[in-house]
Amino acid sequence: MNAPQHGGPDALGVPPHDFSTNANACGPCPAALVALAQADRSRYPDPAYTALTEALAAFHDVDAPRIVLAASASEFIHRISALAARSGLRRAVLPQHGFGDYARAATAWGLACQTGQHAGKDEALHWACEPASPLGGVDAQLPGWAARPGDWQVLDRAYAPLMLESQGTAAPPPAHAWQLWSPNKALGLTGVRAAYAIAPPAAVQSGVAQRLRDLAPSWPLGADGVALLGAWVGSEAQHWLAQTLPTLRQWKAEQLQLCERLGWQVLPGSLANFFTARLAAGEGAPLLAALRARGVKLRDCASFGLPGHVRLGVLPPASQQALQRAWRGYHLGHDC
């Protein structure tokens, strides 16, 4: 199995101008930073996470037994894939372009991977993400998600809090689907690993939600993860998040214009704080390596099935100017 492909820091360290992740570029969230500073790391968390589970349930207006905590979204993806395989499912139905851990986890647990348009009729673990990565738009699979006995359907909502377009208000997820939330992106704190899922009522009644908890190690969340998720549901963090969206919207408009000036074709449909662009003819891995050497990192979309494309998280004007300088330096053959 190939090594996973992700954005963010790499062997060269932390990129000064990192377009390769989709974290909220207005972050970190001040309320979350305060919560992290006050976290008590000298003691174990409550192993049942009673207060946190109740707070998350209240935030989403669901019963507490529907909340399943996870060390991260990636950890949950692997854990539910393992349980699906142990429960007799043999396939995973994935977005045509999507997060690589869906396929990695399925493959690791012996599930055959298929894209939505090639899905068969037998029971399967279905994945969708909205806004979808890397394109940032509506996931084409969701309209076809009817409740079918035996199917497990998981909607990844990592980017739902970062919807920027007015027409991008996410529709309520199907009542029979799981929801996976990883708010560290929205809070601008991707280094703190913490996530949770909301189980559909049927998964609670059948015992699937509890079996998923039973597969987790003791204390999947440390003090930092508890603090992050506790801050996430607070009014201060939610107010801060709402205040960042107009700024991100303006930065995105400027960044789209920059890509046009660079001769890159932006793929339409992005509703979120990131988008995908096709590089100009003759640009590719050499350009990305040269930009990285100049402190600018973009996300190569080859692992998403889109060679010759890059995904760009929205960053402030100073970083956009750095991208333009680095691109010009590459084409002129010297640093600018």
C-alpha atoms as a PDB file:
ATOM      1  CA  MET A   1       0.000   0.000   0.000  1.00  0.00           C
ATOM      2  CA  ASN A   2       1.361   3.414  -0.943  1.00  0.00           C
ATOM      3  CA  ALA A   3       2.110   5.993   1.733  1.00  0.00           C
ATOM      4  CA  PRO A   4      -0.816   8.369   2.330  1.00  0.00           C
ATOM      5  CA  GLN A   5      -0.686  11.713   0.560  1.00  0.00           C
ATOM      6  CA  HIS A   6      -1.551  14.741   2.682  1.00  0.00           C
ATOM      7  CA  GLY A   7      -0.971  18.468   2.690  1.00  0.00           C
ATOM      8  CA  GLY A   8       0.813  20.401   5.416  1.00  0.00           C
ATOM      9  CA  PRO A   9       4.351  20.063   6.808  1.00  0.00           C
ATOM     10  CA  ASP A  10       6.721  17.686   5.055  1.00  0.00           C
ATOM     11  CA  ALA A  11      10.386  16.717   5.046  1.00  0.00           C
ATOM     12  CA  LEU A  12      11.290  20.371   4.427  1.00  0.00           C
ATOM     13  CA  GLY A  13       9.406  21.492   7.528  1.00  0.00           C
ATOM     14  CA  VAL A  14       6.465  23.864   7.827  1.00  0.00           C
ATOM     15  CA  PRO A  15       5.749  25.763   4.591  1.00  0.00           C
ATOM     16  CA  PRO A  16       5.624  29.525   5.261  1.00  0.00           C
ATOM     17  CA  HIS A  17       2.741  29.783   2.786  1.00  0.00           C
ATOM     18  CA  ASP A  18       0.761  26.558   2.969  1.00  0.00           C
ATOM     19  CA  PHE A  19      -2.072  26.355   0.432  1.00  0.00           C
ATOM     20  CA  SER A  20      -2.035  22.554   0.693  1.00  0.00           C
ATOM     21  CA  THR A  21      -4.429  22.241   3.663  1.00  0.00           C
ATOM     22  CA  ASN A  22      -7.961  23.526   4.128  1.00  0.00           C
ATOM     23  CA  ALA A  23      -7.676  24.917   7.647  1.00  0.00           C
ATOM     24  CA  ASN A  24      -9.407  28.200   8.410  1.00  0.00           C
ATOM     25  CA  ALA A  25      -6.710  30.741   7.524  1.00  0.00           C
ATOM     26  CA  CYS A  26      -8.183  33.266   9.990  1.00  0.00           C
ATOM     27  CA  GLY A  27      -7.280  30.934  12.851  1.00  0.00           C
ATOM     28  CA  PRO A  28      -6.383  29.744  15.324  1.00  0.00           C
ATOM     29  CA  CYS A  29      -9.669  30.422  17.097  1.00  0.00           C
ATOM     30  CA  PRO A  30      -8.914  32.483  20.254  1.00  0.00           C
ATOM     31  CA  ALA A  31     -11.528  30.705  22.382  1.00  0.00           C
ATOM     32  CA  ALA A  32     -10.073  27.329  21.439  1.00  0.00           C
ATOM     33  CA  LEU A  33      -6.555  28.520  22.277  1.00  0.00           C
ATOM     34  CA  VAL A  34      -7.742  29.592  25.732  1.00  0.00           C
ATOM     35  CA  ALA A  35      -9.377  26.203  26.262  1.00  0.00           C
ATOM     36  CA  LEU A  36      -6.185  24.423  25.231  1.00  0.00           C
ATOM     37  CA  ALA A  37      -4.096  26.576  27.564  1.00  0.00           C
ATOM     38  CA  GLN A  38      -6.404  25.684  30.445  1.00  0.00           C
ATOM     39  CA  ALA A  39      -6.549  21.942  29.698  1.00  0.00           C
ATOM     40  CA  ASP A  40      -5.389  19.778  32.614  1.00  0.00           C
ATOM     41  CA  ARG A  41      -2.778  17.445  31.137  1.00  0.00           C
ATOM     42  CA  SER A  42      -1.770  16.078  34.534  1.00  0.00           C
ATOM     43  CA  ARG A  43      -4.754  13.712  34.736  1.00  0.00           C
ATOM     44  CA  TYR A  44      -6.570  11.212  32.569  1.00  0.00           C
ATOM     45  CA  PRO A  45      -9.786  12.434  30.984  1.00  0.00           C
ATOM     46  CA  ASP A  46     -13.032  10.843  32.108  1.00  0.00           C
ATOM     47  CA  PRO A  47     -12.852   7.531  30.198  1.00  0.00           C
ATOM     48  CA  ALA A  48     -16.566   7.811  29.360  1.00  0.00           C
ATOM     49  CA  TYR A  49     -16.212  11.482  28.320  1.00  0.00           C
ATOM     50  CA  THR A  50     -19.566  12.095  29.974  1.00  0.00           C
ATOM     51  CA  ALA A  51     -19.618  15.905  30.003  1.00  0.00           C
ATOM     52  CA  LEU A  52     -18.144  16.212  26.516  1.00  0.00           C
ATOM     53  CA  THR A  53     -20.573  13.708  25.029  1.00  0.00           C
ATOM     54  CA  GLU A  54     -23.517  15.516  26.593  1.00  0.00           C
ATOM     55  CA  ALA A  55     -22.263  18.883  25.311  1.00  0.00           C
ATOM     56  CA  LEU A  56     -21.844  17.567  21.756  1.00  0.00           C
ATOM     57  CA  ALA A  57     -25.281  15.935  21.875  1.00  0.00           C
ATOM     58  CA  ALA A  58     -26.882  19.169  23.067  1.00  0.00           C
ATOM     59  CA  PHE A  59     -25.097  21.162  20.361  1.00  0.00           C
ATOM     60  CA  HIS A  60     -26.530  18.914  17.657  1.00  0.00           C
ATOM     61  CA  ASP A  61     -29.865  18.337  19.450  1.00  0.00           C
ATOM     62  CA  VAL A  62     -29.496  14.556  19.468  1.00  0.00           C
ATOM     63  CA  ASP A  63     -29.504  11.926  22.183  1.00  0.00           C
ATOM     64  CA  ALA A  64     -26.131  11.336  23.841  1.00  0.00           C
ATOM     65  CA  PRO A  65     -25.910   7.635  22.820  1.00  0.00           C
ATOM     66  CA  ARG A  66     -25.671   8.803  19.221  1.00  0.00           C
ATOM     67  CA  ILE A  67     -22.294  10.504  19.829  1.00  0.00           C
ATOM     68  CA  VAL A  68     -19.221   8.367  19.043  1.00  0.00           C
ATOM     69  CA  LEU A  69     -15.879  10.024  19.825  1.00  0.00           C
ATOM     70  CA  ALA A  70     -12.782   9.453  17.707  1.00  0.00           C
ATOM     71  CA  ALA A  71      -9.103  10.299  17.922  1.00  0.00           C
ATOM     72  CA  SER A  72      -9.424  11.943  14.509  1.00  0.00           C
ATOM     73  CA  ALA A  73     -11.561  11.707  11.400  1.00  0.00           C
ATOM     74  CA  SER A  74      -8.959   9.398   9.867  1.00  0.00           C
ATOM     75  CA  GLU A  75      -9.067   7.134  12.918  1.00  0.00           C
ATOM     76  CA  PHE A  76     -12.856   6.926  12.664  1.00  0.00           C
ATOM     77  CA  ILE A  77     -12.642   6.113   8.947  1.00  0.00           C
ATOM     78  CA  HIS A  78     -10.371   3.165   9.694  1.00  0.00           C
ATOM     79  CA  ARG A  79     -12.400   2.007  12.689  1.00  0.00           C
ATOM     80  CA  ILE A  80     -15.775   1.983  10.964  1.00  0.00           C
ATOM     81  CA  SER A  81     -14.204   0.291   7.920  1.00  0.00           C
ATOM     82  CA  ALA A  82     -12.896  -2.460  10.210  1.00  0.00           C
ATOM     83  CA  LEU A  83     -16.305  -2.915  11.812  1.00  0.00           C
ATOM     84  CA  ALA A  84     -18.032  -2.953   8.424  1.00  0.00           C
ATOM     85  CA  ALA A  85     -15.744  -5.762   7.269  1.00  0.00           C
ATOM     86  CA  ARG A  86     -16.272  -7.691  10.517  1.00  0.00           C
ATOM     87  CA  SER A  87     -20.034  -7.261  10.076  1.00  0.00           C
ATOM     88  CA  GLY A  88     -20.032  -8.901   6.657  1.00  0.00           C
ATOM     89  CA  LEU A  89     -19.867  -5.993   4.234  1.00  0.00           C
ATOM     90  CA  ARG A  90     -17.592  -6.632   1.274  1.00  0.00           C
ATOM     91  CA  ARG A  91     -17.553  -3.316  -0.621  1.00  0.00           C
ATOM     92  CA  ALA A  92     -16.847   0.356  -0.041  1.00  0.00           C
ATOM     93  CA  VAL A  93     -18.460   2.871  -2.387  1.00  0.00           C
ATOM     94  CA  LEU A  94     -16.321   6.007  -2.650  1.00  0.00           C
ATOM     95  CA  PRO A  95     -16.588   9.430  -4.282  1.00  0.00           C
ATOM     96  CA  GLN A  96     -14.965   9.595  -7.707  1.00  0.00           C
ATOM     97  CA  HIS A  97     -12.524  12.138  -6.234  1.00  0.00           C
ATOM     98  CA  GLY A  98     -12.127  12.099  -2.482  1.00  0.00           C
ATOM     99  CA  PHE A  99     -10.015  11.735   0.642  1.00  0.00           C
ATOM    100  CA  GLY A 100      -7.540   8.901   0.198  1.00  0.00           C
ATOM    101  CA  ASP A 101      -8.146   7.405   3.643  1.00  0.00           C
ATOM    102  CA  TYR A 102     -11.563   6.124   2.531  1.00  0.00           C
ATOM    103  CA  ALA A 103      -9.850   3.803   0.051  1.00  0.00           C
ATOM    104  CA  ARG A 104      -6.842   3.086   2.286  1.00  0.00           C
ATOM    105  CA  ALA A 105      -9.030   1.949   5.154  1.00  0.00           C
ATOM    106  CA  ALA A 106     -11.269  -0.110   2.902  1.00  0.00           C
ATOM    107  CA  THR A 107      -8.307  -1.823   1.284  1.00  0.00           C
ATOM    108  CA  ALA A 108      -6.660  -2.519   4.638  1.00  0.00           C
ATOM    109  CA  TRP A 109      -9.795  -4.362   5.792  1.00  0.00           C
ATOM    110  CA  GLY A 110     -10.440  -6.261   2.593  1.00  0.00           C
ATOM    111  CA  LEU A 111     -13.315  -4.189   1.228  1.00  0.00           C
ATOM    112  CA  ALA A 112     -13.462  -3.883  -2.558  1.00  0.00           C
ATOM    113  CA  CYS A 113     -13.439  -0.225  -3.598  1.00  0.00           C
ATOM    114  CA  GLN A 114     -15.867   1.138  -6.182  1.00  0.00           C
ATOM    115  CA  THR A 115     -16.884   4.647  -7.184  1.00  0.00           C
ATOM    116  CA  GLY A 116     -20.483   5.737  -6.966  1.00  0.00           C
ATOM    117  CA  GLN A 117     -21.309   5.360 -10.638  1.00  0.00           C
ATOM    118  CA  HIS A 118     -20.059   1.751 -10.565  1.00  0.00           C
ATOM    119  CA  ALA A 119     -21.762   0.734  -7.331  1.00  0.00           C
ATOM    120  CA  GLY A 120     -23.453  -2.644  -7.246  1.00  0.00           C
ATOM    121  CA  LYS A 121     -26.641  -3.601  -5.487  1.00  0.00           C
ATOM    122  CA  ASP A 122     -25.251  -5.638  -2.608  1.00  0.00           C
ATOM    123  CA  GLU A 123     -24.637  -4.160   0.851  1.00  0.00           C
ATOM    124  CA  ALA A 124     -21.746  -1.698   1.146  1.00  0.00           C
ATOM    125  CA  LEU A 125     -20.073   1.008   3.212  1.00  0.00           C
ATOM    126  CA  HIS A 126     -20.806   4.282   1.396  1.00  0.00           C
ATOM    127  CA  TRP A 127     -18.774   7.483   1.750  1.00  0.00           C
ATOM    128  CA  ALA A 128     -19.638  11.047   0.786  1.00  0.00           C
ATOM    129  CA  CYS A 129     -18.215  14.437   1.724  1.00  0.00           C
ATOM    130  CA  GLU A 130     -19.943  17.798   1.360  1.00  0.00           C
ATOM    131  CA  PRO A 131     -18.444  20.191   0.489  1.00  0.00           C
ATOM    132  CA  ALA A 132     -16.425  17.549  -1.297  1.00  0.00           C
ATOM    133  CA  SER A 133     -12.633  17.570  -1.417  1.00  0.00           C
ATOM    134  CA  PRO A 134     -10.810  18.432  -3.600  1.00  0.00           C
ATOM    135  CA  LEU A 135     -13.423  20.205  -5.750  1.00  0.00           C
ATOM    136  CA  GLY A 136     -15.291  21.921  -2.914  1.00  0.00           C
ATOM    137  CA  GLY A 137     -18.755  21.373  -4.333  1.00  0.00           C
ATOM    138  CA  VAL A 138     -21.853  19.281  -3.813  1.00  0.00           C
ATOM    139  CA  ASP A 139     -21.214  15.543  -3.555  1.00  0.00           C
ATOM    140  CA  ALA A 140     -22.961  13.905  -6.487  1.00  0.00           C
ATOM    141  CA  GLN A 141     -23.613  10.718  -4.515  1.00  0.00           C
ATOM    142  CA  LEU A 142     -25.894  12.221  -1.871  1.00  0.00           C
ATOM    143  CA  PRO A 143     -29.094  12.531  -3.947  1.00  0.00           C
ATOM    144  CA  GLY A 144     -29.012   8.760  -4.499  1.00  0.00           C
ATOM    145  CA  TRP A 145     -28.597   7.866  -0.827  1.00  0.00           C
ATOM    146  CA  ALA A 146     -31.850   6.064  -0.092  1.00  0.00           C
ATOM    147  CA  ALA A 147     -32.155   4.016   3.061  1.00  0.00           C
ATOM    148  CA  ARG A 148     -31.397   0.381   2.222  1.00  0.00           C
ATOM    149  CA  PRO A 149     -31.222  -2.434   4.763  1.00  0.00           C
ATOM    150  CA  GLY A 150     -27.608  -3.481   5.266  1.00  0.00           C
ATOM    151  CA  ASP A 151     -25.991  -0.354   3.808  1.00  0.00           C
ATOM    152  CA  TRP A 152     -23.812   1.846   6.021  1.00  0.00           C
ATOM    153  CA  GLN A 153     -23.613   5.447   4.800  1.00  0.00           C
ATOM    154  CA  VAL A 154     -21.213   8.030   6.243  1.00  0.00           C
ATOM    155  CA  LEU A 155     -21.303  11.737   5.376  1.00  0.00           C
ATOM    156  CA  ASP A 156     -17.972  13.441   6.100  1.00  0.00           C
ATOM    157  CA  ARG A 157     -18.790  16.990   7.249  1.00  0.00           C
ATOM    158  CA  ALA A 158     -15.222  18.206   7.756  1.00  0.00           C
ATOM    159  CA  TYR A 159     -15.797  21.291   5.609  1.00  0.00           C
ATOM    160  CA  ALA A 160     -19.478  21.989   6.308  1.00  0.00           C
ATOM    161  CA  PRO A 161     -18.610  24.794   8.795  1.00  0.00           C
ATOM    162  CA  LEU A 162     -16.496  26.457   6.081  1.00  0.00           C
ATOM    163  CA  MET A 163     -19.210  26.887   3.452  1.00  0.00           C
ATOM    164  CA  LEU A 164     -18.668  30.340   1.913  1.00  0.00           C
ATOM    165  CA  GLU A 165     -21.317  30.610  -0.782  1.00  0.00           C
ATOM    166  CA  SER A 166     -24.893  31.579   0.007  1.00  0.00           C
ATOM    167  CA  GLN A 167     -26.213  28.792  -2.205  1.00  0.00           C
ATOM    168  CA  GLY A 168     -23.944  26.388  -0.347  1.00  0.00           C
ATOM    169  CA  THR A 169     -26.075  25.933   2.736  1.00  0.00           C
ATOM    170  CA  ALA A 170     -25.830  22.220   3.277  1.00  0.00           C
ATOM    171  CA  ALA A 171     -29.091  20.312   3.138  1.00  0.00           C
ATOM    172  CA  PRO A 172     -29.927  18.232   6.203  1.00  0.00           C
ATOM    173  CA  PRO A 173     -28.092  14.918   5.943  1.00  0.00           C
ATOM    174  CA  PRO A 174     -30.137  11.783   5.381  1.00  0.00           C
ATOM    175  CA  ALA A 175     -31.573  10.598   8.679  1.00  0.00           C
ATOM    176  CA  HIS A 176     -30.212   7.102   8.093  1.00  0.00           C
ATOM    177  CA  ALA A 177     -26.610   8.284   7.541  1.00  0.00           C
ATOM    178  CA  TRP A 178     -23.734   8.740   9.940  1.00  0.00           C
ATOM    179  CA  GLN A 179     -22.244  12.236  10.226  1.00  0.00           C
ATOM    180  CA  LEU A 180     -18.499  12.634  10.782  1.00  0.00           C
ATOM    181  CA  TRP A 181     -17.312  15.957  12.254  1.00  0.00           C
ATOM    182  CA  SER A 182     -13.692  17.137  12.614  1.00  0.00           C
ATOM    183  CA  PRO A 183     -13.852  20.806  13.684  1.00  0.00           C
ATOM    184  CA  ASN A 184     -10.113  21.351  13.954  1.00  0.00           C
ATOM    185  CA  LYS A 185     -10.130  22.651  10.356  1.00  0.00           C
ATOM    186  CA  ALA A 186     -12.853  25.204  11.041  1.00  0.00           C
ATOM    187  CA  LEU A 187     -11.029  26.347  14.194  1.00  0.00           C
ATOM    188  CA  GLY A 188      -7.646  26.613  12.444  1.00  0.00           C
ATOM    189  CA  LEU A 189      -6.045  24.018  14.729  1.00  0.00           C
ATOM    190  CA  THR A 190      -5.415  20.961  12.586  1.00  0.00           C
ATOM    191  CA  GLY A 191      -2.544  19.895  14.843  1.00  0.00           C
ATOM    192  CA  VAL A 192      -5.038  19.000  17.562  1.00  0.00           C
ATOM    193  CA  ARG A 193      -6.496  15.642  16.610  1.00  0.00           C
ATOM    194  CA  ALA A 194     -10.083  15.129  17.715  1.00  0.00           C
ATOM    195  CA  ALA A 195     -13.338  14.202  16.003  1.00  0.00           C
ATOM    196  CA  TYR A 196     -16.732  12.668  16.598  1.00  0.00           C
ATOM    197  CA  ALA A 197     -19.524  11.014  14.691  1.00  0.00           C
ATOM    198  CA  ILE A 198     -23.284  11.206  15.064  1.00  0.00           C
ATOM    199  CA  ALA A 199     -24.792   7.767  14.625  1.00  0.00           C
ATOM    200  CA  PRO A 200     -28.194   7.356  12.986  1.00  0.00           C
ATOM    201  CA  PRO A 201     -30.868   6.138  15.418  1.00  0.00           C
ATOM    202  CA  ALA A 202     -30.930   2.712  13.764  1.00  0.00           C
ATOM    203  CA  ALA A 203     -27.213   2.237  14.504  1.00  0.00           C
ATOM    204  CA  VAL A 204     -27.892   2.872  18.192  1.00  0.00           C
ATOM    205  CA  GLN A 205     -30.847   0.499  18.264  1.00  0.00           C
ATOM    206  CA  SER A 206     -28.945  -2.276  16.483  1.00  0.00           C
ATOM    207  CA  GLY A 207     -25.888  -1.945  18.708  1.00  0.00           C
ATOM    208  CA  VAL A 208     -23.567  -0.891  15.866  1.00  0.00           C
ATOM    209  CA  ALA A 209     -22.749   2.409  17.577  1.00  0.00           C
ATOM    210  CA  GLN A 210     -21.753   0.621  20.772  1.00  0.00           C
ATOM    211  CA  ARG A 211     -19.676  -1.954  18.890  1.00  0.00           C
ATOM    212  CA  LEU A 212     -17.858   0.936  17.257  1.00  0.00           C
ATOM    213  CA  ARG A 213     -17.096   2.392  20.687  1.00  0.00           C
ATOM    214  CA  ASP A 214     -15.912  -1.022  21.849  1.00  0.00           C
ATOM    215  CA  LEU A 215     -13.307  -1.076  19.062  1.00  0.00           C
ATOM    216  CA  ALA A 216     -11.720   2.153  20.289  1.00  0.00           C
ATOM    217  CA  PRO A 217      -8.743   2.090  22.671  1.00  0.00           C
ATOM    218  CA  SER A 218      -9.110   3.540  26.133  1.00  0.00           C
ATOM    219  CA  TRP A 219      -9.014   7.348  26.101  1.00  0.00           C
ATOM    220  CA  PRO A 220      -9.074   7.984  22.346  1.00  0.00           C
ATOM    221  CA  LEU A 221      -9.032  11.700  23.205  1.00  0.00           C
ATOM    222  CA  GLY A 222      -6.427  13.328  25.380  1.00  0.00           C
ATOM    223  CA  ALA A 223      -6.850  16.561  27.297  1.00  0.00           C
ATOM    224  CA  ASP A 224      -6.193  18.676  24.193  1.00  0.00           C
ATOM    225  CA  GLY A 225      -8.827  16.880  22.135  1.00  0.00           C
ATOM    226  CA  VAL A 226     -11.388  17.247  24.917  1.00  0.00           C
ATOM    227  CA  ALA A 227     -10.594  20.956  25.191  1.00  0.00           C
ATOM    228  CA  LEU A 228     -10.883  21.494  21.446  1.00  0.00           C
ATOM    229  CA  LEU A 229     -14.263  19.790  21.099  1.00  0.00           C
ATOM    230  CA  GLY A 230     -15.532  21.497  24.241  1.00  0.00           C
ATOM    231  CA  ALA A 231     -14.578  24.886  22.823  1.00  0.00           C
ATOM    232  CA  TRP A 232     -16.103  24.014  19.445  1.00  0.00           C
ATOM    233  CA  VAL A 233     -19.626  23.833  20.832  1.00  0.00           C
ATOM    234  CA  GLY A 234     -19.263  27.089  22.787  1.00  0.00           C
ATOM    235  CA  SER A 235     -20.847  30.349  21.698  1.00  0.00           C
ATOM    236  CA  GLU A 236     -17.512  32.207  21.530  1.00  0.00           C
ATOM    237  CA  ALA A 237     -16.015  29.797  18.993  1.00  0.00           C
ATOM    238  CA  GLN A 238     -19.186  29.697  16.925  1.00  0.00           C
ATOM    239  CA  HIS A 239     -19.360  33.508  16.860  1.00  0.00           C
ATOM    240  CA  TRP A 240     -15.704  33.734  15.859  1.00  0.00           C
ATOM    241  CA  LEU A 241     -16.229  31.192  13.082  1.00  0.00           C
ATOM    242  CA  ALA A 242     -19.198  33.127  11.699  1.00  0.00           C
ATOM    243  CA  GLN A 243     -17.121  36.331  11.722  1.00  0.00           C
ATOM    244  CA  THR A 244     -14.328  34.704   9.696  1.00  0.00           C
ATOM    245  CA  LEU A 245     -16.496  33.612   6.768  1.00  0.00           C
ATOM    246  CA  PRO A 246     -16.826  37.061   5.091  1.00  0.00           C
ATOM    247  CA  THR A 247     -13.042  37.501   5.284  1.00  0.00           C
ATOM    248  CA  LEU A 248     -12.435  34.081   3.765  1.00  0.00           C
ATOM    249  CA  ARG A 249     -14.980  34.866   1.061  1.00  0.00           C
ATOM    250  CA  GLN A 250     -13.085  38.031   0.088  1.00  0.00           C
ATOM    251  CA  TRP A 251      -9.711  36.268   0.133  1.00  0.00           C
ATOM    252  CA  LYS A 252     -11.145  33.507  -2.031  1.00  0.00           C
ATOM    253  CA  ALA A 253     -12.347  35.999  -4.653  1.00  0.00           C
ATOM    254  CA  GLU A 254      -8.871  37.536  -4.789  1.00  0.00           C
ATOM    255  CA  GLN A 255      -7.211  34.129  -4.988  1.00  0.00           C
ATOM    256  CA  LEU A 256      -9.450  33.048  -7.861  1.00  0.00           C
ATOM    257  CA  GLN A 257      -8.387  36.161  -9.764  1.00  0.00           C
ATOM    258  CA  LEU A 258      -4.732  35.368  -9.047  1.00  0.00           C
ATOM    259  CA  CYS A 259      -5.097  31.886 -10.513  1.00  0.00           C
ATOM    260  CA  GLU A 260      -6.566  33.365 -13.676  1.00  0.00           C
ATOM    261  CA  ARG A 261      -3.579  35.689 -13.975  1.00  0.00           C
ATOM    262  CA  LEU A 262      -1.257  32.703 -13.619  1.00  0.00           C
ATOM    263  CA  GLY A 263      -3.017  31.001 -16.513  1.00  0.00           C
ATOM    264  CA  TRP A 264      -4.610  28.292 -14.371  1.00  0.00           C
ATOM    265  CA  GLN A 265      -8.111  27.043 -15.103  1.00  0.00           C
ATOM    266  CA  VAL A 266     -10.219  26.994 -11.948  1.00  0.00           C
ATOM    267  CA  LEU A 267     -12.680  24.126 -11.828  1.00  0.00           C
ATOM    268  CA  PRO A 268     -16.194  25.440 -11.112  1.00  0.00           C
ATOM    269  CA  GLY A 269     -18.502  24.613  -8.239  1.00  0.00           C
ATOM    270  CA  SER A 270     -16.473  25.238  -5.089  1.00  0.00           C
ATOM    271  CA  LEU A 271     -18.625  26.378  -2.167  1.00  0.00           C
ATOM    272  CA  ALA A 272     -15.922  26.146   0.482  1.00  0.00           C
ATOM    273  CA  ASN A 273     -12.634  27.724   1.540  1.00  0.00           C
ATOM    274  CA  PHE A 274     -10.684  25.793  -1.105  1.00  0.00           C
ATOM    275  CA  PHE A 275     -10.864  25.031  -4.806  1.00  0.00           C
ATOM    276  CA  THR A 276      -9.081  23.071  -7.513  1.00  0.00           C
ATOM    277  CA  ALA A 277      -7.275  24.479 -10.541  1.00  0.00           C
ATOM    278  CA  ARG A 278      -5.737  22.930 -13.633  1.00  0.00           C
ATOM    279  CA  LEU A 279      -2.131  24.001 -14.123  1.00  0.00           C
ATOM    280  CA  ALA A 280      -1.021  25.574 -17.371  1.00  0.00           C
ATOM    281  CA  ALA A 281       0.511  23.393 -20.067  1.00  0.00           C
ATOM    282  CA  GLY A 282       4.046  22.353 -19.191  1.00  0.00           C
ATOM    283  CA  GLU A 283       3.589  22.952 -15.485  1.00  0.00           C
ATOM    284  CA  GLY A 284       3.416  20.069 -13.056  1.00  0.00           C
ATOM    285  CA  ALA A 285       5.713  18.368 -10.556  1.00  0.00           C
ATOM    286  CA  PRO A 286       8.727  20.588 -11.389  1.00  0.00           C
ATOM    287  CA  LEU A 287       6.663  23.707 -10.715  1.00  0.00           C
ATOM    288  CA  LEU A 288       5.318  22.343  -7.440  1.00  0.00           C
ATOM    289  CA  ALA A 289       8.835  21.406  -6.300  1.00  0.00           C
ATOM    290  CA  ALA A 290      10.145  24.845  -7.237  1.00  0.00           C
ATOM    291  CA  LEU A 291       7.318  26.583  -5.398  1.00  0.00           C
ATOM    292  CA  ARG A 292       7.933  24.433  -2.331  1.00  0.00           C
ATOM    293  CA  ALA A 293      11.617  25.368  -2.378  1.00  0.00           C
ATOM    294  CA  ARG A 294      10.481  29.005  -2.323  1.00  0.00           C
ATOM    295  CA  GLY A 295       8.271  28.430   0.717  1.00  0.00           C
ATOM    296  CA  VAL A 296       4.945  27.928  -1.070  1.00  0.00           C
ATOM    297  CA  LYS A 297       3.145  24.580  -0.990  1.00  0.00           C
ATOM    298  CA  LEU A 298       0.160  23.517  -3.090  1.00  0.00           C
ATOM    299  CA  ARG A 299      -1.694  20.195  -2.890  1.00  0.00           C
ATOM    300  CA  ASP A 300      -0.990  17.975  -5.885  1.00  0.00           C
ATOM    301  CA  CYS A 301      -4.316  16.410  -6.886  1.00  0.00           C
ATOM    302  CA  ALA A 302      -2.853  13.323  -8.572  1.00  0.00           C
ATOM    303  CA  SER A 303      -3.780  11.216  -5.543  1.00  0.00           C
ATOM    304  CA  PHE A 304      -7.375  12.412  -5.980  1.00  0.00           C
ATOM    305  CA  GLY A 305      -7.381  11.119  -9.550  1.00  0.00           C
ATOM    306  CA  LEU A 306      -6.783  14.582 -11.031  1.00  0.00           C
ATOM    307  CA  PRO A 307      -3.202  14.721 -12.366  1.00  0.00           C
ATOM    308  CA  GLY A 308      -2.124  18.146 -13.546  1.00  0.00           C
ATOM    309  CA  HIS A 309      -4.370  19.834 -10.989  1.00  0.00           C
ATOM    310  CA  VAL A 310      -3.754  21.453  -7.614  1.00  0.00           C
ATOM    311  CA  ARG A 311      -6.020  22.153  -4.665  1.00  0.00           C
ATOM    312  CA  LEU A 312      -5.554  25.520  -2.992  1.00  0.00           C
ATOM    313  CA  GLY A 313      -6.832  26.393   0.445  1.00  0.00           C
ATOM    314  CA  VAL A 314      -7.738  30.062   0.739  1.00  0.00           C
ATOM    315  CA  LEU A 315      -4.949  32.124   2.327  1.00  0.00           C
ATOM    316  CA  PRO A 316      -4.465  35.847   3.091  1.00  0.00           C
ATOM    317  CA  PRO A 317      -3.246  38.357   0.481  1.00  0.00           C
ATOM    318  CA  ALA A 318       0.368  38.198   1.722  1.00  0.00           C
ATOM    319  CA  SER A 319       0.509  34.485   0.955  1.00  0.00           C
ATOM    320  CA  GLN A 320      -1.150  35.023  -2.402  1.00  0.00           C
ATOM    321  CA  GLN A 321       1.558  37.567  -3.247  1.00  0.00           C
ATOM    322  CA  ALA A 322       4.201  35.030  -2.210  1.00  0.00           C
ATOM    323  CA  LEU A 323       2.643  32.500  -4.586  1.00  0.00           C
ATOM    324  CA  GLN A 324       2.740  34.977  -7.441  1.00  0.00           C
ATOM    325  CA  ARG A 325       6.388  35.862  -6.751  1.00  0.00           C
ATOM    326  CA  ALA A 326       7.391  32.197  -6.523  1.00  0.00           C
ATOM    327  CA  TRP A 327       5.542  31.362  -9.751  1.00  0.00           C
ATOM    328  CA  ARG A 328       7.251  34.263 -11.531  1.00  0.00           C
ATOM    329  CA  GLY A 329      10.632  33.225 -10.150  1.00  0.00           C
ATOM    330  CA  TYR A 330      10.141  29.693 -11.479  1.00  0.00           C
ATOM    331  CA  HIS A 331       9.284  30.921 -14.956  1.00  0.00           C
ATOM    332  CA  LEU A 332      12.102  33.452 -15.021  1.00  0.00           C
ATOM    333  CA  GLY A 333      14.545  30.865 -13.710  1.00  0.00           C
ATOM    334  CA  HIS A 334      15.612  32.751 -10.599  1.00  0.00           C
ATOM    335  CA  ASP A 335      14.349  33.717  -7.161  1.00  0.00           C
ATOM    336  CA  CYS A 336      12.360  36.908  -6.813  1.00  0.00           C
END
